[in-house]
Amino acid sequence: MPEASIICPRCKKAMRAGFVPDYSHGRPLLGRWFEGKFETGWLGLSLRNKHPSLPIITYRCASCSYLESYAT
C-alpha cells in the first residue's frame, strides 16, 4: 500500500509505514500473518498451518498515534 494513501480513521491525518518486530533468538523479525488457527503439537507450540504467509505492515498516525496493521 502506498504510504500516501493511508489516512488515519480517527483523526483523518496521514499515517506512516513501519513494523512491530517479532523477536526470535534475540534478533528482530518481521511479523507474518497466516490464515487459519494456530495449533499445538505434542511437543508444544508449533506452526502447523500449510497456508502461505503474508508480511504485516503497521501504520502509525503521527498526530494521534493510532496503529493499524495490514497483511500485504
PDB file of N, CA and C in Angstrom:
ATOM      1  N   MET A   1       0.841  -1.181   0.000  1.00  0.00           N
ATOM      2  CA  MET A   1       0.000   0.000   0.000  1.00  0.00           C
ATOM      3  C   MET A   1       0.880   1.235   0.000  1.00  0.00           C
ATOM      4  N   PRO A   2       0.626   2.148  -0.891  1.00  0.00           N
ATOM      5  CA  PRO A   2       1.408   3.377  -0.879  1.00  0.00           C
ATOM      6  C   PRO A   2       1.177   4.156   0.406  1.00  0.00           C
ATOM      7  N   GLU A   3       2.248   4.699   0.953  1.00  0.00           N
ATOM      8  CA  GLU A   3       2.168   5.394   2.233  1.00  0.00           C
ATOM      9  C   GLU A   3       1.225   6.592   2.168  1.00  0.00           C
ATOM     10  N   ALA A   4       1.176   7.299   1.044  1.00  0.00           N
ATOM     11  CA  ALA A   4       0.350   8.497   0.929  1.00  0.00           C
ATOM     12  C   ALA A   4      -1.140   8.180   0.952  1.00  0.00           C
ATOM     13  N   SER A   5      -1.533   6.952   0.625  1.00  0.00           N
ATOM     14  CA  SER A   5      -2.952   6.620   0.552  1.00  0.00           C
ATOM     15  C   SER A   5      -3.544   6.170   1.883  1.00  0.00           C
ATOM     16  N   ILE A   6      -2.727   5.988   2.909  1.00  0.00           N
ATOM     17  CA  ILE A   6      -3.225   5.534   4.209  1.00  0.00           C
ATOM     18  C   ILE A   6      -3.548   6.754   5.067  1.00  0.00           C
ATOM     19  N   ILE A   7      -4.821   6.891   5.401  1.00  0.00           N
ATOM     20  CA  ILE A   7      -5.304   8.003   6.213  1.00  0.00           C
ATOM     21  C   ILE A   7      -5.830   7.441   7.533  1.00  0.00           C
ATOM     22  N   CYS A   8      -5.517   8.104   8.621  1.00  0.00           N
ATOM     23  CA  CYS A   8      -5.958   7.672   9.942  1.00  0.00           C
ATOM     24  C   CYS A   8      -7.488   7.696  10.016  1.00  0.00           C
ATOM     25  N   PRO A   9      -8.121   6.580  10.418  1.00  0.00           N
ATOM     26  CA  PRO A   9      -9.580   6.552  10.524  1.00  0.00           C
ATOM     27  C   PRO A   9     -10.116   7.389  11.688  1.00  0.00           C
ATOM     28  N   ARG A  10      -9.259   7.747  12.637  1.00  0.00           N
ATOM     29  CA  ARG A  10      -9.702   8.538  13.796  1.00  0.00           C
ATOM     30  C   ARG A  10      -9.623  10.036  13.549  1.00  0.00           C
ATOM     31  N   CYS A  11      -8.446  10.527  13.126  1.00  0.00           N
ATOM     32  CA  CYS A  11      -8.276  11.978  13.011  1.00  0.00           C
ATOM     33  C   CYS A  11      -8.084  12.451  11.569  1.00  0.00           C
ATOM     34  N   LYS A  12      -8.089  11.528  10.608  1.00  0.00           N
ATOM     35  CA  LYS A  12      -8.021  11.843   9.174  1.00  0.00           C
ATOM     36  C   LYS A  12      -6.694  12.467   8.737  1.00  0.00           C
ATOM     37  N   LYS A  13      -5.609  12.221   9.480  1.00  0.00           N
ATOM     38  CA  LYS A  13      -4.274  12.692   9.103  1.00  0.00           C
ATOM     39  C   LYS A  13      -3.532  11.546   8.427  1.00  0.00           C
ATOM     40  N   ALA A  14      -2.409  11.861   7.778  1.00  0.00           N
ATOM     41  CA  ALA A  14      -1.606  10.847   7.092  1.00  0.00           C
ATOM     42  C   ALA A  14      -0.937   9.907   8.094  1.00  0.00           C
ATOM     43  N   MET A  15      -0.797   8.634   7.689  1.00  0.00           N
ATOM     44  CA  MET A  15      -0.137   7.643   8.528  1.00  0.00           C
ATOM     45  C   MET A  15       1.194   7.264   7.893  1.00  0.00           C
ATOM     46  N   ARG A  16       2.141   6.833   8.732  1.00  0.00           N
ATOM     47  CA  ARG A  16       3.466   6.449   8.267  1.00  0.00           C
ATOM     48  C   ARG A  16       3.665   4.957   8.435  1.00  0.00           C
ATOM     49  N   ALA A  17       4.310   4.325   7.435  1.00  0.00           N
ATOM     50  CA  ALA A  17       4.556   2.883   7.451  1.00  0.00           C
ATOM     51  C   ALA A  17       5.671   2.531   8.425  1.00  0.00           C
ATOM     52  N   GLY A  18       5.555   1.364   9.025  1.00  0.00           N
ATOM     53  CA  GLY A  18       6.577   0.834   9.921  1.00  0.00           C
ATOM     54  C   GLY A  18       6.285  -0.625  10.204  1.00  0.00           C
ATOM     55  N   PHE A  19       6.865  -1.165  11.263  1.00  0.00           N
ATOM     56  CA  PHE A  19       6.594  -2.556  11.620  1.00  0.00           C
ATOM     57  C   PHE A  19       6.775  -2.740  13.114  1.00  0.00           C
ATOM     58  N   VAL A  20       6.155  -3.773  13.644  1.00  0.00           N
ATOM     59  CA  VAL A  20       6.322  -4.170  15.029  1.00  0.00           C
ATOM     60  C   VAL A  20       7.145  -5.449  14.988  1.00  0.00           C
ATOM     61  N   PRO A  21       8.397  -5.433  15.481  1.00  0.00           N
ATOM     62  CA  PRO A  21       9.242  -6.616  15.345  1.00  0.00           C
ATOM     63  C   PRO A  21       8.763  -7.781  16.195  1.00  0.00           C
ATOM     64  N   ASP A  22       9.013  -8.957  15.692  1.00  0.00           N
ATOM     65  CA  ASP A  22       8.741 -10.207  16.395  1.00  0.00           C
ATOM     66  C   ASP A  22      10.114 -10.806  16.695  1.00  0.00           C
ATOM     67  N   TYR A  23      10.480 -10.900  17.968  1.00  0.00           N
ATOM     68  CA  TYR A  23      11.821 -11.348  18.322  1.00  0.00           C
ATOM     69  C   TYR A  23      11.901 -12.864  18.417  1.00  0.00           C
ATOM     70  N   SER A  24      12.962 -13.413  17.818  1.00  0.00           N
ATOM     71  CA  SER A  24      13.218 -14.846  17.868  1.00  0.00           C
ATOM     72  C   SER A  24      14.714 -15.054  18.049  1.00  0.00           C
ATOM     73  N   HIS A  25      15.102 -15.740  19.084  1.00  0.00           N
ATOM     74  CA  HIS A  25      16.510 -15.997  19.394  1.00  0.00           C
ATOM     75  C   HIS A  25      17.311 -14.698  19.469  1.00  0.00           C
ATOM     76  N   GLY A  26      16.709 -13.647  20.037  1.00  0.00           N
ATOM     77  CA  GLY A  26      17.405 -12.399  20.259  1.00  0.00           C
ATOM     78  C   GLY A  26      17.533 -11.476  19.066  1.00  0.00           C
ATOM     79  N   ARG A  27      16.919 -11.810  17.938  1.00  0.00           N
ATOM     80  CA  ARG A  27      17.005 -10.926  16.773  1.00  0.00           C
ATOM     81  C   ARG A  27      15.605 -10.564  16.293  1.00  0.00           C
ATOM     82  N   PRO A  28      15.442  -9.332  15.808  1.00  0.00           N
ATOM     83  CA  PRO A  28      14.115  -8.904  15.350  1.00  0.00           C
ATOM     84  C   PRO A  28      13.762  -9.493  13.994  1.00  0.00           C
ATOM     85  N   LEU A  29      12.513  -9.901  13.848  1.00  0.00           N
ATOM     86  CA  LEU A  29      11.991 -10.432  12.589  1.00  0.00           C
ATOM     87  C   LEU A  29      10.723  -9.666  12.228  1.00  0.00           C
ATOM     88  N   LEU A  30      10.392  -9.644  10.965  1.00  0.00           N
ATOM     89  CA  LEU A  30       9.148  -9.036  10.514  1.00  0.00           C
ATOM     90  C   LEU A  30       8.001  -9.989  10.818  1.00  0.00           C
ATOM     91  N   GLY A  31       6.935  -9.475  11.471  1.00  0.00           N
ATOM     92  CA  GLY A  31       5.771 -10.301  11.775  1.00  0.00           C
ATOM     93  C   GLY A  31       5.094 -10.790  10.497  1.00  0.00           C
ATOM     94  N   ARG A  32       4.449 -11.941  10.563  1.00  0.00           N
ATOM     95  CA  ARG A  32       3.775 -12.516   9.395  1.00  0.00           C
ATOM     96  C   ARG A  32       2.371 -12.969   9.795  1.00  0.00           C
ATOM     97  N   TRP A  33       1.451 -12.955   8.839  1.00  0.00           N
ATOM     98  CA  TRP A  33       0.070 -13.362   9.049  1.00  0.00           C
ATOM     99  C   TRP A  33      -0.150 -14.694   8.348  1.00  0.00           C
ATOM    100  N   PHE A  34      -0.802 -15.636   9.045  1.00  0.00           N
ATOM    101  CA  PHE A  34      -1.147 -16.949   8.493  1.00  0.00           C
ATOM    102  C   PHE A  34      -2.652 -17.133   8.570  1.00  0.00           C
ATOM    103  N   GLU A  35      -3.244 -17.659   7.526  1.00  0.00           N
ATOM    104  CA  GLU A  35      -4.683 -17.948   7.532  1.00  0.00           C
ATOM    105  C   GLU A  35      -4.954 -19.169   8.404  1.00  0.00           C
ATOM    106  N   GLY A  36      -6.083 -19.172   9.060  1.00  0.00           N
ATOM    107  CA  GLY A  36      -6.474 -20.310   9.889  1.00  0.00           C
ATOM    108  C   GLY A  36      -6.085 -20.129  11.339  1.00  0.00           C
ATOM    109  N   LYS A  37      -6.204 -21.207  12.101  1.00  0.00           N
ATOM    110  CA  LYS A  37      -5.913 -21.126  13.535  1.00  0.00           C
ATOM    111  C   LYS A  37      -4.537 -21.695  13.846  1.00  0.00           C
ATOM    112  N   PHE A  38      -3.988 -21.247  14.959  1.00  0.00           N
ATOM    113  CA  PHE A  38      -2.697 -21.742  15.435  1.00  0.00           C
ATOM    114  C   PHE A  38      -2.938 -23.016  16.217  1.00  0.00           C
ATOM    115  N   GLU A  39      -2.225 -24.075  15.880  1.00  0.00           N
ATOM    116  CA  GLU A  39      -2.426 -25.357  16.538  1.00  0.00           C
ATOM    117  C   GLU A  39      -1.184 -25.736  17.335  1.00  0.00           C
ATOM    118  N   THR A  40      -1.383 -26.575  18.336  1.00  0.00           N
ATOM    119  CA  THR A  40      -0.263 -27.057  19.136  1.00  0.00           C
ATOM    120  C   THR A  40       0.011 -28.512  18.801  1.00  0.00           C
ATOM    121  N   GLY A  41       1.282 -28.853  18.831  1.00  0.00           N
ATOM    122  CA  GLY A  41       1.698 -30.233  18.616  1.00  0.00           C
ATOM    123  C   GLY A  41       1.962 -30.914  19.941  1.00  0.00           C
ATOM    124  N   TRP A  42       2.334 -32.162  19.932  1.00  0.00           N
ATOM    125  CA  TRP A  42       2.545 -32.898  21.167  1.00  0.00           C
ATOM    126  C   TRP A  42       3.803 -32.455  21.904  1.00  0.00           C
ATOM    127  N   LEU A  43       4.716 -31.738  21.229  1.00  0.00           N
ATOM    128  CA  LEU A  43       5.905 -31.219  21.900  1.00  0.00           C
ATOM    129  C   LEU A  43       5.757 -29.754  22.303  1.00  0.00           C
ATOM    130  N   GLY A  44       4.587 -29.195  22.135  1.00  0.00           N
ATOM    131  CA  GLY A  44       4.368 -27.797  22.486  1.00  0.00           C
ATOM    132  C   GLY A  44       3.845 -27.014  21.296  1.00  0.00           C
ATOM    133  N   LEU A  45       4.084 -25.702  21.336  1.00  0.00           N
ATOM    134  CA  LEU A  45       3.574 -24.844  20.275  1.00  0.00           C
ATOM    135  C   LEU A  45       4.349 -25.046  18.980  1.00  0.00           C
ATOM    136  N   SER A  46       3.621 -25.158  17.892  1.00  0.00           N
ATOM    137  CA  SER A  46       4.257 -25.280  16.588  1.00  0.00           C
ATOM    138  C   SER A  46       3.308 -24.750  15.522  1.00  0.00           C
ATOM    139  N   LEU A  47       3.863 -24.143  14.506  1.00  0.00           N
ATOM    140  CA  LEU A  47       3.060 -23.634  13.408  1.00  0.00           C
ATOM    141  C   LEU A  47       2.801 -24.783  12.455  1.00  0.00           C
ATOM    142  N   ARG A  48       1.555 -25.233  12.418  1.00  0.00           N
ATOM    143  CA  ARG A  48       1.223 -26.403  11.613  1.00  0.00           C
ATOM    144  C   ARG A  48       0.369 -26.035  10.413  1.00  0.00           C
ATOM    145  N   ASN A  49       0.204 -24.748  10.194  1.00  0.00           N
ATOM    146  CA  ASN A  49      -0.623 -24.267   9.094  1.00  0.00           C
ATOM    147  C   ASN A  49       0.155 -24.359   7.787  1.00  0.00           C
ATOM    148  N   LYS A  50      -0.425 -24.936   6.754  1.00  0.00           N
ATOM    149  CA  LYS A  50       0.256 -25.127   5.478  1.00  0.00           C
ATOM    150  C   LYS A  50      -0.005 -23.981   4.498  1.00  0.00           C
ATOM    151  N   HIS A  51      -0.793 -22.989   4.890  1.00  0.00           N
ATOM    152  CA  HIS A  51      -1.092 -21.871   4.001  1.00  0.00           C
ATOM    153  C   HIS A  51       0.111 -20.940   3.896  1.00  0.00           C
ATOM    154  N   PRO A  52       0.239 -20.231   2.765  1.00  0.00           N
ATOM    155  CA  PRO A  52       1.321 -19.250   2.668  1.00  0.00           C
ATOM    156  C   PRO A  52       1.095 -18.100   3.641  1.00  0.00           C
ATOM    157  N   SER A  53       2.167 -17.429   4.006  1.00  0.00           N
ATOM    158  CA  SER A  53       2.071 -16.318   4.951  1.00  0.00           C
ATOM    159  C   SER A  53       2.269 -14.990   4.236  1.00  0.00           C
ATOM    160  N   LEU A  54       1.832 -13.920   4.882  1.00  0.00           N
ATOM    161  CA  LEU A  54       1.981 -12.573   4.342  1.00  0.00           C
ATOM    162  C   LEU A  54       2.674 -11.695   5.380  1.00  0.00           C
ATOM    163  N   PRO A  55       3.595 -10.826   4.939  1.00  0.00           N
ATOM    164  CA  PRO A  55       4.224  -9.917   5.897  1.00  0.00           C
ATOM    165  C   PRO A  55       3.216  -8.896   6.411  1.00  0.00           C
ATOM    166  N   ILE A  56       3.389  -8.467   7.648  1.00  0.00           N
ATOM    167  CA  ILE A  56       2.493  -7.493   8.277  1.00  0.00           C
ATOM    168  C   ILE A  56       3.184  -6.133   8.311  1.00  0.00           C
ATOM    169  N   ILE A  57       2.521  -5.120   7.762  1.00  0.00           N
ATOM    170  CA  ILE A  57       2.999  -3.747   7.826  1.00  0.00           C
ATOM    171  C   ILE A  57       2.057  -2.976   8.729  1.00  0.00           C
ATOM    172  N   THR A  58       2.616  -2.221   9.655  1.00  0.00           N
ATOM    173  CA  THR A  58       1.823  -1.434  10.595  1.00  0.00           C
ATOM    174  C   THR A  58       2.004   0.048  10.289  1.00  0.00           C
ATOM    175  N   TYR A  59       0.898   0.767  10.246  1.00  0.00           N
ATOM    176  CA  TYR A  59       0.921   2.212  10.006  1.00  0.00           C
ATOM    177  C   TYR A  59       0.598   2.930  11.307  1.00  0.00           C
ATOM    178  N   ARG A  60       1.311   4.050  11.548  1.00  0.00           N
ATOM    179  CA  ARG A  60       1.112   4.851  12.757  1.00  0.00           C
ATOM    180  C   ARG A  60       0.766   6.274  12.367  1.00  0.00           C
ATOM    181  N   CYS A  61      -0.250   6.808  12.995  1.00  0.00           N
ATOM    182  CA  CYS A  61      -0.643   8.197  12.770  1.00  0.00           C
ATOM    183  C   CYS A  61       0.311   9.089  13.558  1.00  0.00           C
ATOM    184  N   ALA A  62       0.933  10.055  12.872  1.00  0.00           N
ATOM    185  CA  ALA A  62       1.860  10.971  13.524  1.00  0.00           C
ATOM    186  C   ALA A  62       1.124  11.948  14.441  1.00  0.00           C
ATOM    187  N   SER A  63      -0.164  12.129  14.225  1.00  0.00           N
ATOM    188  CA  SER A  63      -0.940  13.075  15.020  1.00  0.00           C
ATOM    189  C   SER A  63      -1.496  12.462  16.306  1.00  0.00           C
ATOM    190  N   CYS A  64      -2.207  11.324  16.194  1.00  0.00           N
ATOM    191  CA  CYS A  64      -2.863  10.744  17.373  1.00  0.00           C
ATOM    192  C   CYS A  64      -2.250   9.416  17.832  1.00  0.00           C
ATOM    193  N   SER A  65      -1.238   8.912  17.133  1.00  0.00           N
ATOM    194  CA  SER A  65      -0.503   7.683  17.474  1.00  0.00           C
ATOM    195  C   SER A  65      -1.307   6.400  17.279  1.00  0.00           C
ATOM    196  N   TYR A  66      -2.430   6.446  16.593  1.00  0.00           N
ATOM    197  CA  TYR A  66      -3.228   5.249  16.308  1.00  0.00           C
ATOM    198  C   TYR A  66      -2.432   4.300  15.428  1.00  0.00           C
ATOM    199  N   LEU A  67      -2.489   3.005  15.706  1.00  0.00           N
ATOM    200  CA  LEU A  67      -1.812   1.981  14.901  1.00  0.00           C
ATOM    201  C   LEU A  67      -2.839   1.161  14.149  1.00  0.00           C
ATOM    202  N   GLU A  68      -2.494   0.816  12.891  1.00  0.00           N
ATOM    203  CA  GLU A  68      -3.359  -0.038  12.086  1.00  0.00           C
ATOM    204  C   GLU A  68      -2.455  -0.955  11.271  1.00  0.00           C
ATOM    205  N   SER A  69      -2.715  -2.268  11.316  1.00  0.00           N
ATOM    206  CA  SER A  69      -1.854  -3.246  10.648  1.00  0.00           C
ATOM    207  C   SER A  69      -2.553  -3.861   9.442  1.00  0.00           C
ATOM    208  N   TYR A  70      -1.740  -4.174   8.432  1.00  0.00           N
ATOM    209  CA  TYR A  70      -2.234  -4.794   7.203  1.00  0.00           C
ATOM    210  C   TYR A  70      -1.305  -5.945   6.820  1.00  0.00           C
ATOM    211  N   ALA A  71      -1.890  -7.044   6.350  1.00  0.00           N
ATOM    212  CA  ALA A  71      -1.104  -8.134   5.761  1.00  0.00           C
ATOM    213  C   ALA A  71      -0.989  -7.830   4.280  1.00  0.00           C
ATOM    214  N   THR A  72       0.235  -7.657   3.807  1.00  0.00           N
ATOM    215  CA  THR A  72       0.440  -7.246   2.415  1.00  0.00           C
ATOM    216  C   THR A  72       0.975  -8.335   1.538  1.00  0.00           C
TER     217      THR A  72
END
